[in-house]
Amino acid sequence: MKMNSKPMLILLTKLIPFLWGAAILAPLLYLIIYTDMRQIVDNIWKTISELNSKLEQFISKIQDNLLDILNKIQDNLLDIIRKYSNSIDNMNSFMTNFPSISDFLQMCKNWNLFLKTLSLEELGALSHFLSSLFVLICLINIILVIYGDFMVRLLKIETRFPKLAKIIQLRRQFQLYYMLVYFIPAILTLLAVMAINAYILFG
């Protein structure tokens, strides 16, 4: 027994400092681990609270923006409704103030009465004036047709605005008909005026 107790005592004497060190270091390690975990938890909680506050701010901004958009939409709808109601009122007033058939007939009667009061020379002057005005309007329209196509080619509108190319080509197809519509009545009016003048002079 005495031979076996010596190694045990030696072992215990060697283990006692280690055990004392472990006993001292264990609370320190616990404190370090606890403080680190506490700091990590605090950081996580702080991050969560910051994210929560940012999320609340973002939601409040979205709500404010939605309210602004809804208010603008409401204002635009109210403006459209007001404009529509005003246009309806204007249309109603226009329809009420629009000349009726009786007014048109009364105008024709007044025009006939006015023509009856004119002498033969005055009637001739009036017919010449109206014929010249009609021919002038036809000539202006013919010039606009020709000059309009010239301006389209000069400004190269077909290449600048390809969407309008089809409309311009369609207009060119009907350009001859436009000129005939304005040219033929002007020629007929001039021939009628010349015939009336020739009849008065040589008839």
N, C-alpha and C. Protein backbone atom coordinates (compact mmCIF):
# COMPACT_ATOMS: atom_id res chain seq x y z
N MET A 1 0.83 -1.20 0.00
CA MET A 1 0.00 0.00 0.00
C MET A 1 0.85 1.23 0.00
N LYS A 2 1.97 1.20 0.69
CA LYS A 2 2.84 2.36 0.73
C LYS A 2 3.48 2.57 -0.63
N MET A 3 3.70 1.45 -1.42
CA MET A 3 4.29 1.58 -2.74
C MET A 3 3.32 2.24 -3.70
N ASN A 4 2.01 2.04 -3.56
CA ASN A 4 0.99 2.58 -4.47
C ASN A 4 0.57 3.98 -4.10
N SER A 5 0.74 4.43 -2.90
CA SER A 5 0.26 5.75 -2.48
C SER A 5 1.16 6.86 -2.99
N LYS A 6 2.41 6.57 -3.23
CA LYS A 6 3.31 7.63 -3.68
C LYS A 6 2.95 8.14 -5.07
N PRO A 7 2.73 7.28 -6.03
CA PRO A 7 2.35 7.82 -7.35
C PRO A 7 1.04 8.61 -7.29
N MET A 8 0.11 8.17 -6.47
CA MET A 8 -1.16 8.90 -6.35
C MET A 8 -0.92 10.27 -5.79
N LEU A 9 -0.03 10.37 -4.77
CA LEU A 9 0.26 11.68 -4.19
C LEU A 9 0.96 12.58 -5.19
N ILE A 10 1.86 11.96 -5.93
CA ILE A 10 2.57 12.76 -6.96
C ILE A 10 1.58 13.27 -8.01
N LEU A 11 0.69 12.39 -8.39
CA LEU A 11 -0.32 12.77 -9.39
C LEU A 11 -1.23 13.86 -8.86
N LEU A 12 -1.63 13.72 -7.57
CA LEU A 12 -2.50 14.74 -6.97
C LEU A 12 -1.78 16.06 -6.84
N THR A 13 -0.50 16.01 -6.47
CA THR A 13 0.25 17.26 -6.36
C THR A 13 0.40 17.95 -7.72
N LYS A 14 0.47 17.14 -8.76
CA LYS A 14 0.55 17.74 -10.10
C LYS A 14 -0.81 18.26 -10.59
N LEU A 15 -1.85 17.57 -10.15
CA LEU A 15 -3.18 17.97 -10.62
C LEU A 15 -3.75 19.14 -9.85
N ILE A 16 -3.28 19.35 -8.60
CA ILE A 16 -3.86 20.42 -7.78
C ILE A 16 -3.69 21.79 -8.44
N PRO A 17 -2.51 22.17 -8.96
CA PRO A 17 -2.42 23.49 -9.63
C PRO A 17 -3.33 23.59 -10.84
N PHE A 18 -3.42 22.47 -11.58
CA PHE A 18 -4.30 22.48 -12.75
C PHE A 18 -5.76 22.68 -12.36
N LEU A 19 -6.14 21.97 -11.28
CA LEU A 19 -7.52 22.11 -10.80
C LEU A 19 -7.79 23.51 -10.29
N TRP A 20 -6.77 24.06 -9.53
CA TRP A 20 -6.94 25.44 -9.08
C TRP A 20 -7.05 26.41 -10.27
N GLY A 21 -6.21 26.19 -11.26
CA GLY A 21 -6.28 27.06 -12.45
C GLY A 21 -7.61 26.93 -13.16
N ALA A 22 -8.09 25.66 -13.25
CA ALA A 22 -9.39 25.45 -13.90
C ALA A 22 -10.51 26.09 -13.11
N ALA A 23 -10.41 25.99 -11.77
CA ALA A 23 -11.43 26.60 -10.92
C ALA A 23 -11.44 28.11 -11.05
N ILE A 24 -10.25 28.70 -11.24
CA ILE A 24 -10.18 30.16 -11.39
C ILE A 24 -10.60 30.59 -12.79
N LEU A 25 -10.15 29.80 -13.80
CA LEU A 25 -10.44 30.19 -15.19
C LEU A 25 -11.88 29.93 -15.61
N ALA A 26 -12.54 28.97 -14.99
CA ALA A 26 -13.91 28.64 -15.40
C ALA A 26 -14.86 29.82 -15.26
N PRO A 27 -14.86 30.52 -14.10
CA PRO A 27 -15.74 31.69 -14.02
C PRO A 27 -15.37 32.79 -15.01
N LEU A 28 -14.03 32.94 -15.21
CA LEU A 28 -13.61 33.97 -16.17
C LEU A 28 -14.09 33.64 -17.58
N LEU A 29 -13.91 32.35 -17.96
CA LEU A 29 -14.41 31.93 -19.28
C LEU A 29 -15.91 32.11 -19.40
N TYR A 30 -16.60 31.78 -18.31
CA TYR A 30 -18.06 31.96 -18.31
C TYR A 30 -18.43 33.42 -18.50
N LEU A 31 -17.67 34.31 -17.76
CA LEU A 31 -17.94 35.75 -17.88
C LEU A 31 -17.67 36.24 -19.30
N ILE A 32 -16.55 35.77 -19.86
CA ILE A 32 -16.20 36.20 -21.23
C ILE A 32 -17.26 35.73 -22.22
N ILE A 33 -17.62 34.45 -22.11
CA ILE A 33 -18.62 33.91 -23.04
C ILE A 33 -19.96 34.60 -22.84
N TYR A 34 -20.32 34.85 -21.58
CA TYR A 34 -21.60 35.50 -21.29
C TYR A 34 -21.64 36.91 -21.83
N THR A 35 -20.52 37.66 -21.59
CA THR A 35 -20.48 39.05 -22.08
C THR A 35 -20.50 39.07 -23.61
N ASP A 36 -19.76 38.14 -24.24
CA ASP A 36 -19.77 38.09 -25.71
C ASP A 36 -21.16 37.76 -26.24
N MET A 37 -21.79 36.78 -25.65
CA MET A 37 -23.15 36.42 -26.07
C MET A 37 -24.12 37.56 -25.83
N ARG A 38 -23.94 38.22 -24.67
CA ARG A 38 -24.80 39.36 -24.35
C ARG A 38 -24.62 40.47 -25.37
N GLN A 39 -23.35 40.71 -25.74
CA GLN A 39 -23.08 41.75 -26.73
C GLN A 39 -23.67 41.38 -28.09
N ILE A 40 -23.52 40.10 -28.45
CA ILE A 40 -24.10 39.65 -29.73
C ILE A 40 -25.61 39.80 -29.73
N VAL A 41 -26.24 39.40 -28.62
CA VAL A 41 -27.70 39.53 -28.52
C VAL A 41 -28.12 40.99 -28.57
N ASP A 42 -27.34 41.85 -27.86
CA ASP A 42 -27.65 43.28 -27.89
C ASP A 42 -27.51 43.85 -29.30
N ASN A 43 -26.45 43.43 -30.00
CA ASN A 43 -26.27 43.91 -31.37
C ASN A 43 -27.40 43.44 -32.28
N ILE A 44 -27.79 42.17 -32.10
CA ILE A 44 -28.91 41.66 -32.91
C ILE A 44 -30.19 42.42 -32.61
N TRP A 45 -30.43 42.67 -31.35
CA TRP A 45 -31.64 43.40 -30.96
C TRP A 45 -31.61 44.84 -31.48
N LYS A 46 -30.41 45.44 -31.41
CA LYS A 46 -30.26 46.80 -31.92
C LYS A 46 -30.51 46.84 -33.43
N THR A 47 -29.96 45.85 -34.14
CA THR A 47 -30.18 45.78 -35.59
C THR A 47 -31.65 45.57 -35.92
N ILE A 48 -32.31 44.71 -35.15
CA ILE A 48 -33.74 44.46 -35.37
C ILE A 48 -34.55 45.72 -35.12
N SER A 49 -34.22 46.45 -34.06
CA SER A 49 -34.95 47.68 -33.75
C SER A 49 -34.71 48.74 -34.82
N GLU A 50 -33.45 48.84 -35.33
CA GLU A 50 -33.18 49.79 -36.41
C GLU A 50 -33.94 49.43 -37.67
N LEU A 51 -33.94 48.14 -38.00
CA LEU A 51 -34.70 47.70 -39.18
C LEU A 51 -36.19 47.96 -39.01
N ASN A 52 -36.68 47.77 -37.80
CA ASN A 52 -38.09 48.02 -37.53
C ASN A 52 -38.44 49.49 -37.69
N SER A 53 -37.55 50.37 -37.19
CA SER A 53 -37.80 51.80 -37.33
C SER A 53 -37.73 52.23 -38.79
N LYS A 54 -36.74 51.67 -39.53
CA LYS A 54 -36.65 51.99 -40.96
C LYS A 54 -37.86 51.48 -41.72
N LEU A 55 -38.33 50.30 -41.34
CA LEU A 55 -39.52 49.75 -41.98
C LEU A 55 -40.74 50.61 -41.70
N GLU A 56 -40.86 51.08 -40.47
CA GLU A 56 -41.98 51.97 -40.14
C GLU A 56 -41.90 53.27 -40.92
N GLN A 57 -40.68 53.83 -41.04
CA GLN A 57 -40.52 55.05 -41.83
C GLN A 57 -40.87 54.81 -43.29
N PHE A 58 -40.43 53.67 -43.83
CA PHE A 58 -40.73 53.35 -45.23
C PHE A 58 -42.23 53.19 -45.45
N ILE A 59 -42.89 52.51 -44.51
CA ILE A 59 -44.34 52.32 -44.62
C ILE A 59 -45.07 53.65 -44.52
N SER A 60 -44.60 54.53 -43.63
CA SER A 60 -45.23 55.85 -43.51
C SER A 60 -45.04 56.67 -44.78
N LYS A 61 -43.83 56.58 -45.38
CA LYS A 61 -43.61 57.29 -46.64
C LYS A 61 -44.50 56.76 -47.75
N ILE A 62 -44.63 55.43 -47.81
CA ILE A 62 -45.51 54.83 -48.83
C ILE A 62 -46.96 55.29 -48.62
N GLN A 63 -47.39 55.32 -47.37
CA GLN A 63 -48.75 55.79 -47.08
C GLN A 63 -48.93 57.24 -47.50
N ASP A 64 -47.92 58.08 -47.19
CA ASP A 64 -48.02 59.48 -47.58
C ASP A 64 -48.05 59.63 -49.10
N ASN A 65 -47.19 58.87 -49.79
CA ASN A 65 -47.18 58.93 -51.25
C ASN A 65 -48.50 58.44 -51.84
N LEU A 66 -49.03 57.37 -51.27
CA LEU A 66 -50.32 56.87 -51.75
C LEU A 66 -51.42 57.89 -51.52
N LEU A 67 -51.39 58.54 -50.37
CA LEU A 67 -52.39 59.57 -50.10
C LEU A 67 -52.26 60.72 -51.08
N ASP A 68 -51.02 61.13 -51.38
CA ASP A 68 -50.82 62.20 -52.35
C ASP A 68 -51.32 61.80 -53.73
N ILE A 69 -51.00 60.56 -54.13
CA ILE A 69 -51.45 60.09 -55.45
C ILE A 69 -52.97 60.02 -55.51
N LEU A 70 -53.58 59.51 -54.45
CA LEU A 70 -55.04 59.43 -54.43
C LEU A 70 -55.67 60.81 -54.44
N ASN A 71 -55.06 61.76 -53.73
CA ASN A 71 -55.59 63.13 -53.75
C ASN A 71 -55.46 63.75 -55.13
N LYS A 72 -54.32 63.50 -55.81
CA LYS A 72 -54.15 64.02 -57.16
C LYS A 72 -55.15 63.40 -58.12
N ILE A 73 -55.34 62.09 -57.99
CA ILE A 73 -56.32 61.42 -58.86
C ILE A 73 -57.72 61.97 -58.62
N GLN A 74 -58.04 62.19 -57.35
CA GLN A 74 -59.35 62.75 -57.03
C GLN A 74 -59.52 64.15 -57.61
N ASP A 75 -58.45 64.97 -57.49
CA ASP A 75 -58.52 66.32 -58.05
C ASP A 75 -58.66 66.28 -59.57
N ASN A 76 -57.91 65.38 -60.22
CA ASN A 76 -58.01 65.27 -61.68
C ASN A 76 -59.40 64.80 -62.11
N LEU A 77 -59.94 63.85 -61.37
CA LEU A 77 -61.29 63.38 -61.70
C LEU A 77 -62.31 64.49 -61.51
N LEU A 78 -62.15 65.27 -60.45
CA LEU A 78 -63.07 66.38 -60.23
C LEU A 78 -62.95 67.42 -61.35
N ASP A 79 -61.71 67.68 -61.79
CA ASP A 79 -61.52 68.62 -62.90
C ASP A 79 -62.16 68.10 -64.18
N ILE A 80 -61.98 66.79 -64.44
CA ILE A 80 -62.59 66.21 -65.64
C ILE A 80 -64.11 66.29 -65.57
N ILE A 81 -64.65 66.01 -64.39
CA ILE A 81 -66.11 66.07 -64.22
C ILE A 81 -66.60 67.49 -64.42
N ARG A 82 -65.84 68.47 -63.87
CA ARG A 82 -66.25 69.87 -64.04
C ARG A 82 -66.19 70.28 -65.51
N LYS A 83 -65.08 69.89 -66.19
CA LYS A 83 -64.97 70.23 -67.61
C LYS A 83 -66.07 69.56 -68.42
N TYR A 84 -66.36 68.31 -68.08
CA TYR A 84 -67.41 67.60 -68.82
C TYR A 84 -68.76 68.24 -68.59
N SER A 85 -69.02 68.62 -67.35
CA SER A 85 -70.30 69.28 -67.06
C SER A 85 -70.37 70.64 -67.73
N ASN A 86 -69.21 71.35 -67.76
CA ASN A 86 -69.20 72.65 -68.44
C ASN A 86 -69.41 72.48 -69.94
N SER A 87 -68.78 71.44 -70.52
CA SER A 87 -68.98 71.20 -71.95
C SER A 87 -70.42 70.82 -72.26
N ILE A 88 -71.03 70.04 -71.36
CA ILE A 88 -72.45 69.70 -71.55
C ILE A 88 -73.31 70.95 -71.47
N ASP A 89 -72.99 71.81 -70.50
CA ASP A 89 -73.74 73.06 -70.38
C ASP A 89 -73.55 73.93 -71.62
N ASN A 90 -72.30 74.00 -72.11
CA ASN A 90 -72.05 74.79 -73.31
C ASN A 90 -72.77 74.21 -74.52
N MET A 91 -72.78 72.87 -74.60
CA MET A 91 -73.49 72.24 -75.71
C MET A 91 -74.98 72.51 -75.63
N ASN A 92 -75.51 72.44 -74.42
CA ASN A 92 -76.94 72.73 -74.26
C ASN A 92 -77.26 74.17 -74.62
N SER A 93 -76.39 75.08 -74.18
CA SER A 93 -76.63 76.49 -74.52
C SER A 93 -76.48 76.72 -76.02
N PHE A 94 -75.49 76.00 -76.65
CA PHE A 94 -75.32 76.13 -78.09
C PHE A 94 -76.54 75.59 -78.84
N MET A 95 -77.05 74.46 -78.37
CA MET A 95 -78.23 73.88 -79.02
C MET A 95 -79.46 74.75 -78.84
N THR A 96 -79.56 75.38 -77.67
CA THR A 96 -80.71 76.26 -77.46
C THR A 96 -80.59 77.54 -78.28
N ASN A 97 -79.33 78.03 -78.45
CA ASN A 97 -79.13 79.25 -79.23
C ASN A 97 -78.94 78.99 -80.72
N PHE A 98 -78.86 77.72 -81.11
CA PHE A 98 -78.66 77.40 -82.52
C PHE A 98 -79.91 77.79 -83.32
N PRO A 99 -79.68 78.42 -84.49
CA PRO A 99 -80.85 78.87 -85.27
C PRO A 99 -81.72 77.69 -85.70
N SER A 100 -82.98 77.88 -85.56
CA SER A 100 -83.93 76.84 -85.96
C SER A 100 -84.28 77.00 -87.44
N ILE A 101 -85.14 76.10 -87.93
CA ILE A 101 -85.55 76.16 -89.34
C ILE A 101 -86.34 77.43 -89.61
N SER A 102 -87.14 77.84 -88.65
CA SER A 102 -87.91 79.07 -88.83
C SER A 102 -86.98 80.28 -88.93
N ASP A 103 -85.90 80.28 -88.14
CA ASP A 103 -84.93 81.37 -88.25
C ASP A 103 -84.25 81.38 -89.61
N PHE A 104 -83.93 80.18 -90.12
CA PHE A 104 -83.31 80.09 -91.44
C PHE A 104 -84.26 80.58 -92.53
N LEU A 105 -85.51 80.20 -92.43
CA LEU A 105 -86.50 80.67 -93.41
C LEU A 105 -86.68 82.18 -93.32
N GLN A 106 -86.64 82.70 -92.11
CA GLN A 106 -86.76 84.14 -91.94
C GLN A 106 -85.56 84.87 -92.55
N MET A 107 -84.38 84.28 -92.43
CA MET A 107 -83.19 84.87 -93.06
C MET A 107 -83.32 84.86 -94.58
N CYS A 108 -83.85 83.77 -95.13
CA CYS A 108 -84.07 83.70 -96.58
C CYS A 108 -85.06 84.76 -97.04
N LYS A 109 -86.12 84.95 -96.26
CA LYS A 109 -87.11 85.98 -96.61
C LYS A 109 -86.49 87.37 -96.56
N ASN A 110 -85.69 87.61 -95.53
CA ASN A 110 -85.02 88.91 -95.42
C ASN A 110 -84.05 89.14 -96.57
N TRP A 111 -83.35 88.07 -96.98
CA TRP A 111 -82.43 88.18 -98.11
C TRP A 111 -83.18 88.47 -99.41
N ASN A 112 -84.33 87.81 -99.61
CA ASN A 112 -85.14 88.08 -100.80
C ASN A 112 -85.66 89.51 -100.80
N LEU A 113 -86.08 89.97 -99.62
CA LEU A 113 -86.54 91.35 -99.53
C LEU A 113 -85.41 92.33 -99.83
N PHE A 114 -84.20 92.00 -99.36
CA PHE A 114 -83.06 92.86 -99.64
C PHE A 114 -82.74 92.88 -101.13
N LEU A 115 -82.81 91.72 -101.80
CA LEU A 115 -82.54 91.67 -103.23
C LEU A 115 -83.58 92.44 -104.04
N LYS A 116 -84.82 92.45 -103.57
CA LYS A 116 -85.88 93.18 -104.28
C LYS A 116 -85.68 94.68 -104.22
N THR A 117 -85.01 95.12 -103.18
CA THR A 117 -84.77 96.56 -103.05
C THR A 117 -83.62 97.05 -103.93
N LEU A 118 -82.82 96.13 -104.49
CA LEU A 118 -81.67 96.53 -105.30
C LEU A 118 -82.08 96.77 -106.74
N SER A 119 -81.34 97.67 -107.37
CA SER A 119 -81.56 97.93 -108.80
C SER A 119 -80.82 96.88 -109.63
N LEU A 120 -80.96 96.96 -110.95
CA LEU A 120 -80.33 95.99 -111.83
C LEU A 120 -78.81 96.10 -111.77
N GLU A 121 -78.30 97.34 -111.74
CA GLU A 121 -76.85 97.53 -111.64
C GLU A 121 -76.30 97.00 -110.31
N GLU A 122 -77.05 97.24 -109.25
CA GLU A 122 -76.62 96.76 -107.93
C GLU A 122 -76.65 95.23 -107.86
N LEU A 123 -77.66 94.63 -108.49
CA LEU A 123 -77.70 93.16 -108.54
C LEU A 123 -76.51 92.61 -109.33
N GLY A 124 -76.16 93.27 -110.44
CA GLY A 124 -75.00 92.84 -111.21
C GLY A 124 -73.71 92.97 -110.41
N ALA A 125 -73.59 94.10 -109.70
CA ALA A 125 -72.38 94.29 -108.88
C ALA A 125 -72.31 93.25 -107.76
N LEU A 126 -73.46 92.96 -107.14
CA LEU A 126 -73.47 91.95 -106.08
C LEU A 126 -73.12 90.57 -106.62
N SER A 127 -73.67 90.22 -107.79
CA SER A 127 -73.35 88.91 -108.37
C SER A 127 -71.89 88.83 -108.76
N HIS A 128 -71.32 89.93 -109.31
CA HIS A 128 -69.90 89.94 -109.63
C HIS A 128 -69.04 89.81 -108.37
N PHE A 129 -69.45 90.49 -107.32
CA PHE A 129 -68.69 90.43 -106.06
C PHE A 129 -68.70 89.01 -105.49
N LEU A 130 -69.89 88.39 -105.44
CA LEU A 130 -69.98 87.03 -104.89
C LEU A 130 -69.23 86.03 -105.76
N SER A 131 -69.33 86.21 -107.09
CA SER A 131 -68.61 85.29 -107.99
C SER A 131 -67.10 85.44 -107.83
N SER A 132 -66.64 86.69 -107.75
CA SER A 132 -65.20 86.91 -107.56
C SER A 132 -64.72 86.35 -106.23
N LEU A 133 -65.54 86.51 -105.18
CA LEU A 133 -65.18 85.97 -103.87
C LEU A 133 -65.09 84.45 -103.91
N PHE A 134 -66.03 83.82 -104.61
CA PHE A 134 -66.01 82.36 -104.72
C PHE A 134 -64.79 81.88 -105.49
N VAL A 135 -64.46 82.56 -106.60
CA VAL A 135 -63.28 82.18 -107.39
C VAL A 135 -62.01 82.39 -106.57
N LEU A 136 -61.96 83.47 -105.80
CA LEU A 136 -60.79 83.73 -104.95
C LEU A 136 -60.61 82.63 -103.90
N ILE A 137 -61.71 82.20 -103.29
CA ILE A 137 -61.63 81.11 -102.30
C ILE A 137 -61.13 79.83 -102.95
N CYS A 138 -61.62 79.52 -104.16
CA CYS A 138 -61.16 78.32 -104.86
C CYS A 138 -59.68 78.41 -105.19
N LEU A 139 -59.22 79.59 -105.65
CA LEU A 139 -57.80 79.75 -105.97
C LEU A 139 -56.93 79.61 -104.72
N ILE A 140 -57.38 80.16 -103.60
CA ILE A 140 -56.61 80.03 -102.35
C ILE A 140 -56.50 78.57 -101.95
N ASN A 141 -57.59 77.82 -102.10
CA ASN A 141 -57.54 76.39 -101.76
C ASN A 141 -56.61 75.62 -102.69
N ILE A 142 -56.61 75.97 -103.99
CA ILE A 142 -55.70 75.30 -104.93
C ILE A 142 -54.25 75.61 -104.58
N ILE A 143 -53.97 76.88 -104.25
CA ILE A 143 -52.60 77.26 -103.85
C ILE A 143 -52.18 76.52 -102.59
N LEU A 144 -53.09 76.39 -101.64
CA LEU A 144 -52.76 75.68 -100.40
C LEU A 144 -52.47 74.21 -100.66
N VAL A 145 -53.21 73.60 -101.60
CA VAL A 145 -52.96 72.19 -101.92
C VAL A 145 -51.57 72.02 -102.52
N ILE A 146 -51.23 72.90 -103.50
CA ILE A 146 -49.92 72.78 -104.16
C ILE A 146 -48.80 73.16 -103.21
N TYR A 147 -48.97 74.28 -102.50
CA TYR A 147 -47.93 74.77 -101.60
C TYR A 147 -47.74 73.84 -100.40
N GLY A 148 -48.83 73.21 -99.96
CA GLY A 148 -48.72 72.27 -98.85
C GLY A 148 -47.85 71.08 -99.21
N ASP A 149 -48.02 70.53 -100.41
CA ASP A 149 -47.18 69.42 -100.84
C ASP A 149 -45.73 69.87 -101.03
N PHE A 150 -45.55 71.11 -101.52
CA PHE A 150 -44.19 71.64 -101.68
C PHE A 150 -43.50 71.77 -100.32
N MET A 151 -44.22 72.23 -99.30
CA MET A 151 -43.64 72.37 -97.97
C MET A 151 -43.33 71.00 -97.35
N VAL A 152 -44.19 70.02 -97.63
CA VAL A 152 -43.94 68.66 -97.12
C VAL A 152 -42.65 68.11 -97.70
N ARG A 153 -42.43 68.33 -99.02
CA ARG A 153 -41.20 67.84 -99.65
C ARG A 153 -39.98 68.65 -99.19
N LEU A 154 -40.17 69.96 -99.02
CA LEU A 154 -39.05 70.80 -98.63
C LEU A 154 -38.57 70.49 -97.21
N LEU A 155 -39.51 70.34 -96.29
CA LEU A 155 -39.15 70.07 -94.89
C LEU A 155 -38.89 68.59 -94.60
N LYS A 156 -39.10 67.74 -95.62
CA LYS A 156 -38.86 66.29 -95.47
C LYS A 156 -39.62 65.71 -94.27
N ILE A 157 -40.90 66.03 -94.25
CA ILE A 157 -41.72 65.60 -93.11
C ILE A 157 -41.91 64.08 -93.13
N GLU A 158 -41.91 63.49 -94.33
CA GLU A 158 -42.11 62.03 -94.40
C GLU A 158 -40.96 61.27 -93.74
N THR A 159 -39.73 61.77 -93.93
CA THR A 159 -38.58 61.10 -93.31
C THR A 159 -38.45 61.45 -91.83
N ARG A 160 -38.85 62.65 -91.46
CA ARG A 160 -38.74 63.05 -90.05
C ARG A 160 -39.82 62.40 -89.19
N PHE A 161 -41.00 62.30 -89.76
CA PHE A 161 -42.13 61.72 -89.03
C PHE A 161 -42.69 60.55 -89.82
N PRO A 162 -42.12 59.36 -89.67
CA PRO A 162 -42.58 58.20 -90.47
C PRO A 162 -44.03 57.83 -90.22
N LYS A 163 -44.55 58.16 -89.04
CA LYS A 163 -45.94 57.81 -88.75
C LYS A 163 -46.91 58.61 -89.62
N LEU A 164 -46.49 59.80 -90.06
CA LEU A 164 -47.35 60.63 -90.91
C LEU A 164 -47.19 60.31 -92.39
N ALA A 165 -46.28 59.41 -92.74
CA ALA A 165 -46.01 59.13 -94.15
C ALA A 165 -47.24 58.58 -94.86
N LYS A 166 -47.96 57.67 -94.21
CA LYS A 166 -49.16 57.09 -94.84
C LYS A 166 -50.22 58.15 -95.08
N ILE A 167 -50.39 59.06 -94.12
CA ILE A 167 -51.39 60.12 -94.28
C ILE A 167 -50.99 61.05 -95.43
N ILE A 168 -49.69 61.36 -95.52
CA ILE A 168 -49.22 62.24 -96.60
C ILE A 168 -49.38 61.57 -97.95
N GLN A 169 -49.06 60.27 -98.04
CA GLN A 169 -49.25 59.55 -99.30
C GLN A 169 -50.72 59.48 -99.69
N LEU A 170 -51.60 59.28 -98.71
CA LEU A 170 -53.03 59.27 -99.00
C LEU A 170 -53.50 60.64 -99.47
N ARG A 171 -52.95 61.68 -98.86
CA ARG A 171 -53.29 63.05 -99.28
C ARG A 171 -52.83 63.31 -100.71
N ARG A 172 -51.66 62.79 -101.08
CA ARG A 172 -51.18 62.97 -102.45
C ARG A 172 -52.06 62.23 -103.46
N GLN A 173 -52.58 61.07 -103.06
CA GLN A 173 -53.47 60.35 -103.97
C GLN A 173 -54.74 61.14 -104.25
N PHE A 174 -55.23 61.85 -103.24
CA PHE A 174 -56.46 62.64 -103.42
C PHE A 174 -56.17 64.08 -103.82
N GLN A 175 -54.90 64.42 -104.03
CA GLN A 175 -54.56 65.80 -104.33
C GLN A 175 -55.17 66.25 -105.65
N LEU A 176 -55.16 65.38 -106.65
CA LEU A 176 -55.76 65.72 -107.94
C LEU A 176 -57.26 65.96 -107.80
N TYR A 177 -57.93 65.16 -106.98
CA TYR A 177 -59.37 65.33 -106.78
C TYR A 177 -59.66 66.64 -106.06
N TYR A 178 -58.80 66.99 -105.08
CA TYR A 178 -58.97 68.27 -104.40
C TYR A 178 -58.87 69.43 -105.39
N MET A 179 -57.87 69.36 -106.27
CA MET A 179 -57.69 70.43 -107.24
C MET A 179 -58.86 70.51 -108.22
N LEU A 180 -59.37 69.35 -108.62
CA LEU A 180 -60.53 69.35 -109.51
C LEU A 180 -61.77 69.91 -108.82
N VAL A 181 -61.93 69.57 -107.53
CA VAL A 181 -63.09 70.07 -106.78
C VAL A 181 -63.08 71.58 -106.70
N TYR A 182 -61.89 72.18 -106.57
CA TYR A 182 -61.81 73.64 -106.49
C TYR A 182 -61.66 74.30 -107.86
N PHE A 183 -61.03 73.58 -108.81
CA PHE A 183 -60.73 74.17 -110.11
C PHE A 183 -61.97 74.24 -111.00
N ILE A 184 -62.74 73.15 -111.04
CA ILE A 184 -63.91 73.11 -111.94
C ILE A 184 -64.96 74.14 -111.55
N PRO A 185 -65.36 74.27 -110.26
CA PRO A 185 -66.34 75.32 -109.93
C PRO A 185 -65.83 76.72 -110.22
N ALA A 186 -64.53 76.96 -110.04
CA ALA A 186 -63.99 78.29 -110.34
C ALA A 186 -64.11 78.59 -111.83
N ILE A 187 -63.76 77.61 -112.69
CA ILE A 187 -63.86 77.80 -114.14
C ILE A 187 -65.32 78.01 -114.55
N LEU A 188 -66.22 77.20 -113.99
CA LEU A 188 -67.65 77.34 -114.33
C LEU A 188 -68.18 78.69 -113.91
N THR A 189 -67.76 79.18 -112.75
CA THR A 189 -68.21 80.49 -112.29
C THR A 189 -67.70 81.59 -113.21
N LEU A 190 -66.43 81.50 -113.60
CA LEU A 190 -65.88 82.50 -114.52
C LEU A 190 -66.59 82.47 -115.87
N LEU A 191 -66.86 81.26 -116.38
CA LEU A 191 -67.59 81.14 -117.65
C LEU A 191 -68.99 81.71 -117.54
N ALA A 192 -69.66 81.47 -116.41
CA ALA A 192 -71.01 82.01 -116.22
C ALA A 192 -70.99 83.53 -116.17
N VAL A 193 -70.01 84.10 -115.47
CA VAL A 193 -69.90 85.57 -115.40
C VAL A 193 -69.62 86.15 -116.78
N MET A 194 -68.70 85.49 -117.52
CA MET A 194 -68.40 85.96 -118.87
C MET A 194 -69.61 85.85 -119.78
N ALA A 195 -70.39 84.78 -119.65
CA ALA A 195 -71.59 84.61 -120.49
C ALA A 195 -72.62 85.67 -120.17
N ILE A 196 -72.81 85.95 -118.88
CA ILE A 196 -73.79 86.98 -118.49
C ILE A 196 -73.36 88.35 -118.99
N ASN A 197 -72.06 88.65 -118.84
CA ASN A 197 -71.57 89.93 -119.33
C ASN A 197 -71.69 90.05 -120.84
N ALA A 198 -71.39 88.95 -121.56
CA ALA A 198 -71.53 88.96 -123.02
C ALA A 198 -72.99 89.12 -123.43
N TYR A 199 -73.89 88.50 -122.70
CA TYR A 199 -75.32 88.63 -123.01
C TYR A 199 -75.79 90.06 -122.79
N ILE A 200 -75.29 90.67 -121.69
CA ILE A 200 -75.70 92.05 -121.41
C ILE A 200 -75.12 93.00 -122.46
N LEU A 201 -73.88 92.76 -122.88
CA LEU A 201 -73.24 93.66 -123.83
C LEU A 201 -73.74 93.46 -125.26
N PHE A 202 -73.89 92.20 -125.67
CA PHE A 202 -74.19 91.93 -127.08
C PHE A 202 -75.58 91.34 -127.31
N GLY A 203 -76.36 91.16 -126.21
CA GLY A 203 -77.64 90.52 -126.38
C GLY A 203 -78.73 91.48 -126.84
